[in-house]
Protein backbone atom coordinates (compact mmCIF):
# COMPACT_ATOMS: atom_id res chain seq x y z
CA MET A 1 -14.92 -7.84 -26.19
CA LYS A 2 -13.96 -11.23 -27.60
CA LYS A 3 -10.88 -11.33 -25.38
CA PHE A 4 -12.98 -10.44 -22.35
CA SER A 5 -15.37 -13.29 -23.17
CA LEU A 6 -12.44 -15.71 -23.34
CA LEU A 7 -11.32 -14.51 -19.92
CA LEU A 8 -14.78 -15.09 -18.44
CA CYS A 9 -14.78 -18.59 -19.91
CA PHE A 10 -11.46 -19.23 -18.19
CA LEU A 11 -12.83 -18.03 -14.84
CA PHE A 12 -15.88 -20.26 -15.01
CA SER A 13 -13.80 -23.18 -16.25
CA ALA A 14 -11.50 -22.78 -13.23
CA THR A 15 -14.55 -22.93 -10.99
CA THR A 16 -15.77 -26.13 -12.64
CA ILE A 17 -12.42 -27.89 -12.80
CA PHE A 18 -11.53 -27.37 -9.17
CA ALA A 19 -14.97 -27.51 -7.56
CA SER A 20 -14.46 -31.04 -6.26
CA ASP A 21 -13.17 -32.69 -3.10
CA VAL A 22 -9.63 -32.94 -4.10
CA SER A 23 -6.88 -32.91 2.99
CA LEU A 24 -5.62 -29.28 2.59
CA SER A 25 -4.39 -27.99 5.92
CA LEU A 26 -5.05 -24.29 6.44
CA GLU A 27 -1.47 -23.94 7.62
CA LYS A 28 -0.15 -25.15 4.25
CA LEU A 29 -2.64 -23.03 2.35
CA PHE A 30 -1.62 -19.79 4.03
CA GLU A 31 2.06 -20.69 3.58
CA GLN A 32 1.30 -20.18 -0.10
CA GLN A 33 1.06 -16.46 0.60
CA ASP A 34 4.75 -16.45 1.60
CA THR A 35 6.46 -17.31 -1.67
CA ILE A 36 10.05 -16.48 -0.68
CA THR A 37 9.38 -12.76 -1.11
CA THR A 38 10.47 -10.27 1.55
CA THR A 39 7.31 -9.50 3.49
CA GLN A 40 6.34 -7.70 6.68
CA LYS A 41 3.05 -7.30 8.53
CA VAL A 42 1.81 -4.36 10.56
CA THR A 43 -0.64 -6.05 12.92
CA ASN A 44 -3.67 -4.68 14.72
CA GLN A 45 -1.57 -4.58 17.91
CA ASP A 46 1.08 -2.51 16.10
CA ILE A 47 -1.56 -0.08 14.83
CA GLU A 48 -2.95 0.48 18.34
CA LYS A 49 0.52 1.60 19.50
CA VAL A 50 0.31 4.68 17.26
CA ASN A 51 -2.45 7.16 16.45
CA PRO A 52 -2.77 7.04 12.64
CA ILE A 53 -5.13 9.17 10.59
CA GLU A 54 -4.42 7.68 7.16
CA ALA A 55 -4.03 3.93 6.69
CA LEU A 56 -0.66 4.16 4.96
CA GLU A 57 0.79 6.19 7.83
CA VAL A 58 1.26 2.97 9.83
CA LEU A 59 4.14 2.04 7.47
CA LYS A 60 6.43 4.90 8.51
CA ASN A 61 8.70 2.70 10.66
CA VAL A 62 8.99 -0.24 8.26
CA PRO A 63 12.55 -0.80 6.91
CA GLY A 64 12.75 -0.17 3.19
CA VAL A 65 9.65 2.06 3.25
CA LEU A 66 9.59 5.87 3.28
CA VAL A 67 6.28 7.68 3.82
CA GLN A 68 5.98 11.15 2.27
CA LYS A 69 3.41 13.32 4.04
CA THR A 70 1.98 16.80 3.59
CA GLY A 71 1.69 17.22 7.36
CA ASP A 72 -0.45 15.80 10.15
CA THR A 73 -3.27 15.25 7.62
CA GLY A 74 -3.60 15.01 3.85
CA ARG A 75 -1.50 12.96 1.49
CA THR A 76 0.46 10.00 2.84
CA ASP A 77 2.42 8.48 -0.03
CA PRO A 78 4.76 5.53 0.65
CA SER A 79 7.70 4.45 -1.47
CA ILE A 80 9.23 0.97 -1.27
CA ARG A 81 12.88 0.46 -2.21
CA GLY A 82 12.94 3.80 -4.00
CA PHE A 83 9.70 3.32 -5.97
CA GLY A 84 6.56 5.29 -5.09
CA ASP A 85 5.57 8.20 -7.34
CA ASN A 86 2.13 8.76 -5.77
CA CYS A 87 1.64 4.96 -5.69
CA ARG A 88 2.14 4.73 -9.48
CA ARG A 89 5.10 2.39 -9.10
CA ILE A 90 3.82 0.34 -6.19
CA VAL A 91 0.49 -1.48 -5.91
CA VAL A 92 -1.93 -0.52 -3.13
CA LEU A 93 -4.83 -2.85 -2.40
CA ILE A 94 -7.78 -2.80 0.00
CA ASP A 95 -8.83 -6.37 0.78
CA GLY A 96 -7.04 -7.46 -2.38
CA LYS A 97 -8.77 -4.91 -4.62
CA PRO A 98 -6.57 -2.40 -6.54
CA GLU A 99 -6.90 1.23 -5.38
CA PHE A 100 -5.83 3.90 -7.87
CA MET A 101 -7.15 6.76 -9.98
CA SER A 102 -7.35 5.48 -13.55
CA LEU A 103 -6.75 8.80 -15.31
CA PHE A 104 -3.30 9.35 -13.76
CA GLY A 105 -2.65 5.91 -12.28
CA CYS A 106 -1.95 7.43 -8.87
CA GLY A 107 -3.22 6.33 -5.49
CA VAL A 108 -5.34 8.92 -3.68
CA SER A 109 -3.64 8.11 -0.39
CA HIS A 110 -5.55 10.57 1.78
CA SER A 111 -8.80 8.80 0.84
CA MET A 112 -7.59 5.67 2.65
CA LEU A 113 -8.34 6.60 6.26
CA ALA A 114 -7.40 4.44 9.25
CA GLY A 115 -10.87 3.90 10.71
CA ASN A 116 -11.38 0.29 9.70
CA ILE A 117 -7.92 -1.31 9.46
CA ASP A 118 -7.23 -4.75 10.90
CA ARG A 119 -3.68 -5.05 9.54
CA VAL A 120 -1.43 -4.10 6.63
CA GLU A 121 0.75 -6.56 4.69
CA ILE A 122 3.78 -5.34 2.71
CA THR A 123 5.68 -7.16 -0.02
CA LYS A 124 9.04 -5.53 -0.76
CA GLY A 125 10.44 -5.74 -4.24
CA PRO A 126 8.76 -6.37 -7.61
CA ASP A 127 5.87 -8.83 -7.73
CA GLY A 128 4.57 -8.63 -11.25
CA VAL A 129 3.58 -12.31 -11.37
CA LEU A 130 0.78 -12.03 -8.79
CA TYR A 131 -0.08 -8.31 -8.96
CA GLY A 132 0.60 -7.19 -12.50
CA SER A 133 1.27 -3.64 -13.65
CA GLY A 134 2.64 -1.15 -11.13
CA ALA A 135 4.29 -3.55 -8.70
CA LEU A 136 7.83 -2.24 -9.34
CA GLY A 137 8.77 -1.44 -5.74
CA GLY A 138 6.34 -3.70 -3.97
CA VAL A 139 2.77 -4.24 -2.82
CA ILE A 140 0.72 -2.92 0.11
CA ASN A 141 -2.49 -4.73 1.06
CA ILE A 142 -4.74 -2.93 3.57
CA ILE A 143 -6.97 -5.54 5.21
CA THR A 144 -10.15 -4.35 6.88
CA LYS A 145 -11.74 -5.72 10.03
CA THR A 146 -13.98 -8.78 9.89
CA PRO A 147 -16.32 -9.42 12.84
CA THR A 148 -16.08 -12.73 14.73
CA LYS A 149 -18.74 -12.15 17.45
CA PRO A 150 -22.51 -11.69 17.26
CA LEU A 151 -21.98 -8.02 18.09
CA GLU A 152 -18.74 -6.07 18.42
CA GLY A 153 -17.56 -2.55 17.89
CA SER A 154 -15.38 0.35 18.90
CA ILE A 155 -15.44 4.13 19.19
CA ASP A 156 -12.18 6.11 18.89
CA VAL A 157 -12.13 9.87 19.42
CA SER A 158 -9.09 12.16 19.54
CA PHE A 159 -8.31 15.87 19.30
CA GLY A 160 -5.24 18.05 19.59
CA SER A 161 -2.72 20.27 17.82
CA PHE A 162 -3.70 22.26 14.72
CA ASN A 163 -7.33 21.89 15.86
CA THR A 164 -7.26 18.30 14.58
CA GLN A 165 -10.33 16.21 15.45
CA ASN A 166 -10.65 12.56 14.52
CA ALA A 167 -13.60 10.23 15.20
CA LYS A 168 -13.85 6.54 14.23
CA VAL A 169 -16.88 4.30 14.77
CA TYR A 170 -17.02 0.60 13.95
CA VAL A 171 -19.94 -1.83 14.46
CA GLY A 172 -20.04 -5.39 13.16
CA GLY A 173 -21.35 -8.83 13.86
CA LEU A 174 -21.56 -12.46 12.80
CA GLN A 175 -24.99 -13.84 13.62
CA SER A 176 -25.96 -17.26 12.35
CA ASN A 177 -24.80 -17.15 8.72
CA ILE A 178 -24.97 -13.37 8.29
CA LEU A 179 -21.88 -11.16 8.51
CA TYR A 180 -22.31 -7.39 8.66
CA GLU A 181 -20.17 -4.34 9.33
CA VAL A 182 -20.45 -0.56 9.22
CA ALA A 183 -17.59 1.86 9.86
CA ALA A 184 -17.34 5.65 9.72
CA ASN A 185 -14.35 7.96 10.03
CA LYS A 186 -14.52 11.78 10.25
CA ILE A 187 -11.40 13.94 10.33
CA THR A 188 -10.98 17.73 10.36
CA SER A 189 -7.82 19.80 10.83
CA ASP A 190 -6.57 23.36 10.32
CA GLY A 191 -3.18 21.95 9.30
CA HIS A 192 0.27 23.02 10.46
CA LEU A 193 0.82 25.61 7.70
CA PRO A 194 -1.36 28.46 6.43
CA ASN A 195 -3.98 27.17 4.00
CA SER A 196 -3.44 23.48 4.82
CA GLN A 197 -6.90 22.63 6.14
CA TYR A 198 -8.38 19.17 5.73
CA ASN A 199 -11.95 17.89 6.08
CA ALA A 200 -12.85 14.32 5.14
CA THR A 201 -15.51 11.67 5.72
CA ASP A 202 -15.03 7.97 5.03
CA LEU A 203 -17.80 5.34 5.16
CA TYR A 204 -17.41 1.59 4.79
CA GLU A 205 -19.99 -1.22 4.66
CA LYS A 206 -19.68 -4.99 4.50
CA LEU A 207 -22.49 -7.57 4.19
CA GLY A 208 -21.96 -11.28 3.68
CA TYR A 209 -23.39 -14.76 3.91
CA ILE A 210 -21.43 -17.77 5.21
CA PHE A 211 -22.63 -21.08 3.76
CA ARG A 212 -22.69 -24.35 5.69
CA ASP A 213 -19.63 -25.68 3.90
CA GLY A 214 -17.57 -22.61 4.88
CA SER A 215 -17.95 -20.82 1.56
CA SER A 216 -18.70 -17.10 1.71
CA LEU A 217 -20.26 -14.42 -0.45
CA ILE A 218 -19.38 -10.91 0.75
CA PHE A 219 -20.18 -7.45 -0.61
CA GLU A 220 -18.02 -4.46 0.39
CA ALA A 221 -18.56 -0.77 -0.33
CA LYS A 222 -16.64 2.40 0.50
CA GLN A 223 -17.47 6.09 0.07
CA PHE A 224 -15.01 8.94 0.63
CA GLN A 225 -15.43 12.70 0.37
CA GLY A 226 -12.62 15.04 1.32
CA VAL A 227 -11.42 18.59 0.75
CA LYS A 228 -7.75 19.34 1.29
CA HIS A 229 -6.19 22.77 1.03
CA GLU A 230 -2.60 23.01 -0.13
CA PRO A 231 -0.20 25.57 1.35
CA GLU A 232 2.24 27.64 -0.69
CA VAL A 233 5.10 25.15 -0.70
CA ARG A 234 7.78 27.26 -2.41
CA LYS A 235 8.06 30.02 -4.97
CA GLN A 236 9.06 29.35 -8.55
CA ASN A 237 10.53 32.25 -10.55
CA GLY A 238 9.25 34.58 -7.86
CA ASP A 239 5.66 33.30 -8.08
CA PRO A 240 3.88 31.03 -5.58
CA VAL A 241 3.25 27.47 -6.67
CA TYR A 242 -0.28 27.61 -5.24
CA GLY A 243 -2.67 30.48 -4.72
CA ASP A 244 -3.84 31.78 -1.36
CA ASN A 245 -6.77 29.38 -1.21
CA TYR A 246 -5.98 26.43 -3.44
CA TRP A 247 -8.14 23.38 -2.65
CA GLU A 248 -8.87 19.92 -4.04
CA ASP A 249 -12.24 18.19 -3.56
CA TYR A 250 -12.22 14.40 -3.94
CA HIS A 251 -15.21 12.06 -4.13
CA ARG A 252 -14.28 8.39 -4.40
CA ASN A 253 -16.41 5.24 -4.24
CA SER A 254 -15.57 1.57 -4.48
CA TYR A 255 -17.54 -1.67 -4.58
CA GLN A 256 -16.40 -5.28 -4.38
CA LEU A 257 -18.13 -8.68 -4.48
CA ASN A 258 -16.11 -11.63 -3.15
CA PHE A 259 -16.79 -15.34 -3.38
CA ASP A 260 -14.55 -17.80 -1.51
CA LYS A 261 -14.83 -21.57 -1.29
CA PHE A 262 -12.57 -24.04 0.52
CA PHE A 263 -12.14 -27.57 -0.75
CA SER A 264 -10.25 -30.48 0.79
CA ARG A 265 -7.11 -29.48 -1.03
CA GLY A 266 -7.81 -26.04 -2.33
CA HIS A 267 -9.25 -22.54 -2.09
CA LEU A 268 -11.15 -20.82 -4.88
CA SER A 269 -11.43 -17.02 -4.82
CA ILE A 270 -13.40 -14.87 -7.29
CA ARG A 271 -13.54 -11.05 -7.10
CA GLY A 272 -15.45 -8.44 -9.04
CA TYR A 273 -14.94 -4.72 -8.32
CA ARG A 274 -15.37 -1.12 -9.42
CA ASN A 275 -13.79 2.15 -8.27
CA ASP A 276 -14.87 5.58 -9.42
CA GLY A 277 -13.88 9.14 -8.65
CA ASP A 278 -15.04 12.71 -9.25
CA HIS A 279 -12.34 15.35 -8.59
CA LYS A 280 -12.78 19.14 -8.61
CA PHE A 281 -10.01 21.64 -7.86
CA SER A 282 -10.14 25.40 -7.29
CA ASN A 283 -8.17 26.05 -10.49
CA ASN A 284 -11.14 24.86 -12.59
CA TRP A 285 -9.91 21.27 -12.81
CA HIS A 286 -12.70 18.69 -13.08
CA SER A 287 -12.06 15.02 -13.90
CA LYS A 288 -13.82 11.69 -13.56
CA ASP A 289 -12.35 8.20 -13.59
CA SER A 290 -13.32 4.58 -13.07
CA LEU A 291 -11.66 1.19 -12.74
CA THR A 292 -13.67 -1.97 -13.38
CA GLY A 293 -12.20 -5.42 -12.92
CA ALA A 294 -12.55 -9.11 -12.17
CA MET A 295 -10.06 -11.66 -10.89
CA ALA A 296 -10.04 -15.30 -9.94
CA ASN A 297 -7.41 -17.58 -8.44
CA TYR A 298 -7.18 -21.08 -7.09
CA ASP A 299 -4.71 -22.36 -4.47
CA TRP A 300 -4.29 -26.11 -4.96
CA GLU A 301 -2.32 -28.59 -2.89
CA ILE A 302 -0.90 -31.17 -5.30
CA GLY A 303 0.43 -33.93 -3.09
CA ASP A 304 1.97 -33.22 0.29
CA ASP A 305 4.85 -31.06 -0.95
CA ASN A 306 3.47 -28.84 -3.67
CA LEU A 307 1.20 -25.80 -3.71
CA LEU A 308 0.06 -24.27 -6.98
CA LYS A 309 -1.66 -20.91 -7.45
CA ILE A 310 -3.25 -20.17 -10.81
CA GLY A 311 -5.29 -17.13 -11.71
CA ALA A 312 -6.54 -14.57 -14.17
CA ASP A 313 -7.58 -10.95 -13.99
CA TYR A 314 -9.12 -8.25 -16.16
CA LYS A 315 -9.09 -4.46 -15.74
CA GLN A 316 -10.68 -1.63 -17.66
CA GLN A 317 -9.49 1.91 -16.92
CA GLU A 318 -11.54 4.95 -17.92
CA GLY A 319 -10.89 8.66 -17.44
CA GLU A 320 -12.38 11.97 -18.52
CA LEU A 321 -11.11 15.54 -18.21
CA LEU A 322 -14.09 17.89 -18.31
CA SER A 323 -12.41 21.23 -17.58
CA THR A 324 -9.01 22.75 -16.80
CA ASN A 325 -7.10 26.03 -16.96
CA SER A 326 -3.93 24.21 -17.94
CA SER A 327 -2.71 24.63 -21.50
CA SER A 328 -0.68 21.43 -21.13
CA MET A 329 -3.76 19.17 -20.93
CA TYR A 330 -6.30 17.97 -23.48
CA LEU A 331 -10.02 17.76 -22.73
CA GLY A 332 -11.60 14.43 -23.59
CA SER A 333 -12.34 10.91 -22.41
CA TRP A 334 -10.26 7.77 -22.81
CA LYS A 335 -10.19 4.12 -21.78
CA LEU A 336 -8.08 1.01 -22.10
CA TYR A 337 -8.23 -2.58 -20.93
CA GLU A 338 -5.75 -5.30 -20.00
CA TYR A 339 -6.01 -8.95 -19.05
CA ALA A 340 -3.63 -11.51 -17.60
CA PHE A 341 -3.11 -15.16 -16.71
CA TYR A 342 -0.58 -16.36 -14.17
CA ALA A 343 0.72 -19.43 -12.31
CA LEU A 344 2.96 -19.67 -9.27
CA ASP A 345 4.21 -22.98 -7.88
CA LYS A 346 5.86 -23.65 -4.52
CA HIS A 347 7.54 -27.02 -4.03
CA ASN A 348 9.20 -28.53 -0.96
CA PHE A 349 11.94 -30.82 -2.28
CA THR A 350 12.95 -31.76 1.28
CA ASP A 351 12.10 -30.55 4.77
CA LYS A 352 14.88 -28.01 4.29
CA LEU A 353 14.78 -26.98 0.63
CA THR A 354 11.89 -25.07 -0.98
CA ALA A 355 11.66 -23.59 -4.45
CA VAL A 356 9.19 -21.25 -6.11
CA ALA A 357 8.67 -20.53 -9.79
CA GLY A 358 6.02 -18.52 -11.56
CA VAL A 359 5.10 -16.64 -14.70
CA ARG A 360 2.50 -14.09 -15.79
CA TYR A 361 1.24 -13.29 -19.26
CA ASN A 362 -0.13 -9.73 -19.37
CA ASN A 363 -1.71 -8.05 -22.38
CA ASN A 364 -2.36 -4.30 -22.34
CA GLU A 365 -4.51 -2.86 -25.11
CA ILE A 366 -1.94 -0.13 -25.91
CA SER A 367 1.50 -1.18 -24.68
CA GLY A 368 1.11 -4.84 -25.59
CA GLU A 369 2.32 -8.10 -24.13
CA GLN A 370 4.50 -8.77 -21.10
CA PHE A 371 5.92 -12.08 -19.89
CA VAL A 372 6.82 -11.77 -16.22
CA PRO A 373 8.88 -14.50 -14.47
CA ARG A 374 9.79 -15.22 -10.86
CA ALA A 375 12.07 -17.90 -9.33
CA GLY A 376 13.48 -18.43 -5.85
CA LEU A 377 15.07 -20.90 -3.44
CA GLU A 378 14.90 -21.12 0.35
CA TYR A 379 17.06 -23.41 2.51
CA SER A 380 16.46 -23.98 6.25
CA PHE A 381 19.62 -25.05 8.05
CA THR A 382 17.61 -25.44 11.28
CA GLU A 383 14.09 -24.64 12.40
CA SER A 384 15.39 -21.19 13.40
CA PHE A 385 17.81 -20.29 10.58
CA LEU A 386 17.25 -20.01 6.84
CA VAL A 387 18.69 -18.38 3.74
CA LYS A 388 16.86 -17.46 0.55
CA GLY A 389 17.47 -16.06 -2.91
CA LEU A 390 14.91 -14.60 -5.32
CA TYR A 391 14.70 -13.25 -8.85
CA SER A 392 11.53 -11.34 -9.74
CA ARG A 393 10.34 -8.92 -12.39
CA GLY A 394 7.99 -5.97 -12.18
CA PHE A 395 6.52 -3.74 -14.87
CA ARG A 396 4.34 -0.65 -15.26
CA SER A 397 2.20 -0.09 -18.32
CA PRO A 398 1.70 3.59 -19.33
CA TYR A 399 -1.35 5.29 -17.81
CA LEU A 400 -4.06 7.20 -19.64
CA ASN A 401 -2.53 10.61 -18.92
CA GLU A 402 0.81 9.59 -20.45
CA LEU A 403 -0.85 8.13 -23.55
CA TYR A 404 -3.52 10.74 -24.25
CA LEU A 405 -4.04 13.54 -21.72
CA VAL A 406 -0.88 15.67 -21.57
CA LYS A 407 0.58 17.70 -24.45
CA ALA A 408 3.72 15.54 -24.27
CA ARG A 409 1.61 12.42 -24.73
CA ASN A 410 3.00 9.43 -26.60
CA GLU A 411 0.86 6.46 -27.64
CA ASP A 412 4.02 4.48 -28.49
CA LEU A 413 5.27 4.29 -24.92
CA LYS A 414 6.43 0.88 -23.74
CA ALA A 415 5.99 -0.58 -20.27
CA GLU A 416 8.66 0.22 -17.67
CA ILE A 417 10.58 -2.87 -16.52
CA VAL A 418 12.58 -3.73 -13.42
CA ASP A 419 14.42 -6.98 -12.63
CA SER A 420 15.21 -7.62 -8.98
CA TYR A 421 17.82 -9.96 -7.47
CA GLU A 422 17.84 -10.41 -3.72
CA ILE A 423 19.38 -12.66 -1.12
CA GLY A 424 18.46 -12.80 2.53
CA THR A 425 18.80 -14.67 5.77
CA GLU A 426 16.63 -14.95 8.87
CA PHE A 427 17.17 -16.23 12.40
CA LYS A 428 14.00 -16.64 14.43
CA THR A 429 13.07 -17.97 17.88
CA ASP A 430 10.03 -17.44 20.08
CA ASP A 431 11.46 -14.16 21.45
CA PHE A 432 13.96 -13.06 18.82
CA ILE A 433 13.87 -12.23 15.11
CA PHE A 434 16.78 -11.04 12.98
CA ASN A 435 16.78 -10.80 9.22
CA VAL A 436 18.90 -9.08 6.61
CA THR A 437 18.16 -8.71 2.90
CA GLY A 438 20.39 -7.38 0.15
CA PHE A 439 18.99 -6.49 -3.27
CA VAL A 440 19.87 -5.13 -6.69
CA MET A 441 17.15 -3.79 -9.00
CA LYS A 442 17.94 -3.12 -12.64
CA GLY A 443 15.40 -1.13 -14.62
CA ASP A 444 14.79 -0.22 -18.23
CA ASN A 445 12.33 1.84 -20.31
CA LEU A 446 11.76 4.41 -17.55
CA ILE A 447 9.14 6.91 -18.75
CA GLN A 448 10.69 10.38 -18.72
CA ARG A 449 8.35 13.26 -17.88
CA VAL A 450 9.75 16.00 -20.07
CA PRO A 451 8.31 16.73 -23.52
CA PRO A 452 7.91 14.55 -25.39
CA LEU A 453 7.26 11.62 -23.08
CA LYS A 454 9.54 8.75 -23.98
CA ASN A 455 11.19 5.62 -22.66
CA VAL A 456 14.77 6.34 -21.59
CA GLY A 457 17.74 4.21 -20.62
CA GLU A 458 18.69 1.83 -17.87
CA TYR A 459 19.03 2.49 -14.14
CA GLU A 460 20.08 0.51 -11.09
CA PHE A 461 19.06 0.61 -7.43
CA LYS A 462 20.68 -1.47 -4.71
CA GLY A 463 20.52 -1.68 -0.96
CA VAL A 464 20.44 -3.59 2.30
CA GLU A 465 17.63 -3.89 4.87
CA LEU A 466 18.10 -5.13 8.44
CA TYR A 467 15.39 -5.88 10.98
CA LEU A 468 15.69 -6.92 14.62
CA SER A 469 12.92 -7.73 17.10
CA TYR A 470 13.31 -8.91 20.69
CA PHE A 471 10.79 -9.62 23.45
CA PHE A 472 12.70 -9.09 26.69
CA ASN A 473 9.76 -10.17 28.84
CA LYS A 474 6.03 -9.53 29.11
CA PHE A 475 6.75 -5.91 30.07
CA VAL A 476 9.24 -4.79 27.37
CA ASP A 477 9.80 -5.47 23.68
CA ALA A 478 11.73 -3.60 20.99
CA GLN A 479 12.17 -3.53 17.22
CA ALA A 480 14.88 -1.84 15.16
CA GLY A 481 15.59 -1.53 11.46
CA TYR A 482 18.20 -0.01 9.17
CA THR A 483 17.94 0.66 5.45
CA TYR A 484 20.88 1.50 3.17
CA PHE A 485 19.79 2.52 -0.31
CA ASP A 486 21.97 3.43 -3.28
CA ALA A 487 19.91 5.08 -6.02
CA GLY A 488 22.88 5.90 -8.25
CA GLU A 489 22.21 9.26 -9.91
CA HIS A 490 18.43 9.06 -9.23
CA THR A 491 18.71 10.50 -5.71
CA GLN A 492 15.67 12.80 -5.76
CA GLY A 493 13.50 11.93 -2.75
CA ARG A 494 15.40 8.70 -2.07
CA PRO A 495 17.43 8.88 1.18
CA GLN A 496 20.51 6.75 1.46
CA ASP A 497 20.10 5.99 5.17
CA LYS A 498 17.04 5.31 7.32
CA ILE A 499 16.96 4.01 10.90
CA ASP A 500 13.74 2.92 12.63
CA LEU A 501 13.31 2.14 16.32
CA ASN A 502 10.30 1.05 18.41
CA VAL A 503 10.28 0.31 22.15
CA ASN A 504 7.12 -0.79 23.97
CA PHE A 505 6.49 -0.93 27.72
CA ASN A 506 3.48 -2.61 29.36
CA ILE A 507 3.06 -2.34 33.14
CA SER A 508 -0.27 -3.12 34.76
CA ARG A 509 -2.85 -0.85 33.11
CA TRP A 510 -0.24 1.42 31.55
CA SER A 511 1.42 1.09 28.15
CA LEU A 512 4.00 3.32 26.50
CA ALA A 513 5.00 3.03 22.83
CA LEU A 514 8.08 4.96 21.71
CA ASN A 515 9.10 5.21 18.06
CA GLY A 516 11.88 7.06 16.32
CA MET A 517 13.06 7.56 12.75
CA TYR A 518 16.32 8.96 11.37
CA VAL A 519 16.73 9.92 7.72
CA GLY A 520 20.12 10.89 6.29
CA ASN A 521 21.79 11.67 2.95
CA TYR A 522 18.50 12.97 1.54
CA TYR A 523 18.29 15.07 -1.64
CA ALA A 524 15.67 17.17 -3.42
CA LYS A 525 17.26 16.60 -6.84
CA ASP A 526 19.03 13.87 -8.75
CA GLU A 527 22.81 13.41 -8.75
CA LYS A 528 22.97 14.32 -5.04
CA GLN A 529 22.01 17.94 -5.67
CA ASP A 530 20.20 20.21 -3.19
CA ARG A 531 20.74 18.14 -0.06
CA LEU A 532 18.05 18.35 2.61
CA ASP A 533 19.00 18.37 6.27
CA ASP A 534 19.25 15.00 8.00
CA PHE A 535 16.52 14.64 10.61
CA ALA A 536 15.45 12.47 13.53
CA VAL A 537 11.85 12.38 14.72
CA VAL A 538 10.76 10.85 18.05
CA SER A 539 7.12 10.18 18.95
CA ALA A 540 5.31 8.42 21.82
CA LYS A 541 1.87 7.20 22.80
CA LEU A 542 0.97 6.71 26.47
CA SER A 543 -2.19 4.70 27.21
CA PHE A 544 -4.11 3.86 30.37
CA ALA A 545 -6.72 1.06 30.44
CA VAL A 546 -9.59 2.17 32.67
CA ASN A 547 -11.00 -1.35 32.31
CA ASP A 548 -11.12 -4.07 29.67
CA ASN A 549 -13.23 -1.90 27.37
CA ILE A 550 -12.10 1.70 27.88
CA LYS A 551 -8.68 3.16 27.21
CA LEU A 552 -7.41 6.74 27.48
CA PHE A 553 -4.33 7.92 25.62
CA VAL A 554 -2.09 10.88 24.85
CA ASP A 555 -0.04 10.88 21.67
CA GLY A 556 2.99 13.11 21.19
CA GLU A 557 4.46 13.60 17.71
CA ASN A 558 7.93 15.01 17.01
CA LEU A 559 8.62 15.42 20.71
CA THR A 560 12.00 17.12 20.19
CA ASN A 561 10.37 19.73 17.91
CA GLN A 562 12.74 18.80 15.08
CA GLU A 563 12.66 21.23 12.16
CA TYR A 564 12.74 19.28 8.91
CA GLU A 565 11.52 19.16 5.34
CA ILE A 566 10.60 16.29 3.05
CA PHE A 567 10.40 15.76 -0.68
CA LEU A 568 7.02 15.03 -2.30
CA ASP A 569 6.31 13.50 -5.73
CA ARG A 570 4.27 16.47 -6.97
CA GLU A 571 5.10 17.22 -10.59
CA ALA A 572 3.31 20.57 -10.79
CA ASP A 573 5.22 22.16 -7.92
CA GLY A 574 8.54 22.45 -9.71
CA TYR A 575 10.33 22.29 -6.36
CA PRO A 576 8.15 20.06 -4.18
CA ILE A 577 9.57 20.46 -0.68
CA THR A 578 7.23 20.61 2.32
CA LYS A 579 8.02 21.83 5.81
CA MET A 580 6.81 19.26 8.31
CA PRO A 581 5.06 19.95 11.64
CA GLY A 582 6.93 20.65 14.87
CA ALA A 583 5.91 19.16 18.20
CA ALA A 584 2.24 18.15 18.38
CA VAL A 585 0.06 16.47 21.00
CA TYR A 586 -3.27 14.63 20.75
CA PHE A 587 -5.61 13.34 23.45
CA GLY A 588 -8.09 10.54 22.92
CA THR A 589 -10.11 7.62 24.12
CA GLN A 590 -10.98 4.19 22.75
CA ILE A 591 -14.11 2.29 23.76
CA LYS A 592 -14.59 -1.34 22.71
CA PHE A 593 -17.63 -3.56 23.08
């Protein structure tokens, strides 16, 4: 409690120190968000070219990212540069707030529906300085819509294969100084396999006040309830992994209070939040969890060539297992806290040379202290061509289940560590973008999941990512990406080759978005054992604008009816391979006002 009090003193001190008129251009301020990391944005326009159900589904054609799905609905778990593990080794945020289940540290990806997304921002590679524990592979920030008109809204309805029905409603407004927003998303589906039904409801509310000086105080809330049935994936020793009617019922809520204030040369941001969940499964599993936290940061322009970000955050994780049929779990309740302080500085030495350096001090109640550095250089030969190099570290502190819950528990576990070295280049004009990034990630203290849990030896991942985008004219544009990934002996669920392709046509009131993905050299086990078939999936969405406000569309998934399977990070399955859907079609309409 004493340490938490010291943290609160730091937060209020930061507010006092920087709450003065210290001429920050917004352009320079937002450049601070690009600190020589490899980033990519999925914009609102990109999202409208597909027909997503879950928010994380929009990442499926991003180079360096692989999305593991249970079908047309249900779990949608991304991995970035080989790290995913149910979002345990990447950080997923909603409007900057961490989203994970404290008891197991996993992200409940199917609770993040697509009904209220404005855009998604991805950071590839470790970013432990800014985001702390879990950011081994990268960071995903889902940013929700914010109204800009006195009244605006949309209604999206679609239906199609597997008796899938999806309805999204959004209403928001900015009137005088009051900002408000309500969004609802309802999805039901029979699923593409026997016993793979899904039924979920997601509600989201936002209420805020904008002060005369541009400061804002905004409250956000989210409620999710969903039941997903799991099919019999495979048999293990002659027995099915799941029963005939295995289901999981998730209730998740989150709350966030945000205060933002702009000064002449700075931006102060303070966040307080809480997530909680209540999970019941048909096998008598019942657990509860909560995550409570606070964070503050200040972006400060020091002179014309330097931007400094300083911050602090605090998290308390709590979890309780009330019932289970599993003999490998303990009943009980547990909690732990951690706090951190960090600084990240970006300096322009010349118009061409920029450097970034940062450090984070993180203290976890159980696994102890971590010092996390980052350093990088970027050199612009011309306005269109640059090269960059970056060193960054990520870490993952053990979660409650690894410390206390499972029979193989170990309270002496250390944090997993990964050091990343990357170099990249980019050429960019108004119509053309080409970038290539090569990276090597060296890890240590990987937590092994066989009794007893323990930290094991070193590992190394390396790869190359290429991205190309070209706007031919106002009617046609295209994007392509290629990912080569070498996981060494850790090949389970990590394909060596991935190709992504998007082509978009816009003619009069018609628009056609084509996307394709090829995955090759893909294995269900480590050391290149049990190879899965290479596969290529092609999808398309054809839209017709009746007028400025009404659009009709038809969405076709897996148009070639490709038969393929994917690996899922599901520990309990023993052999977690899922058969994916064949050809599917969905019809829908979108109404905006």
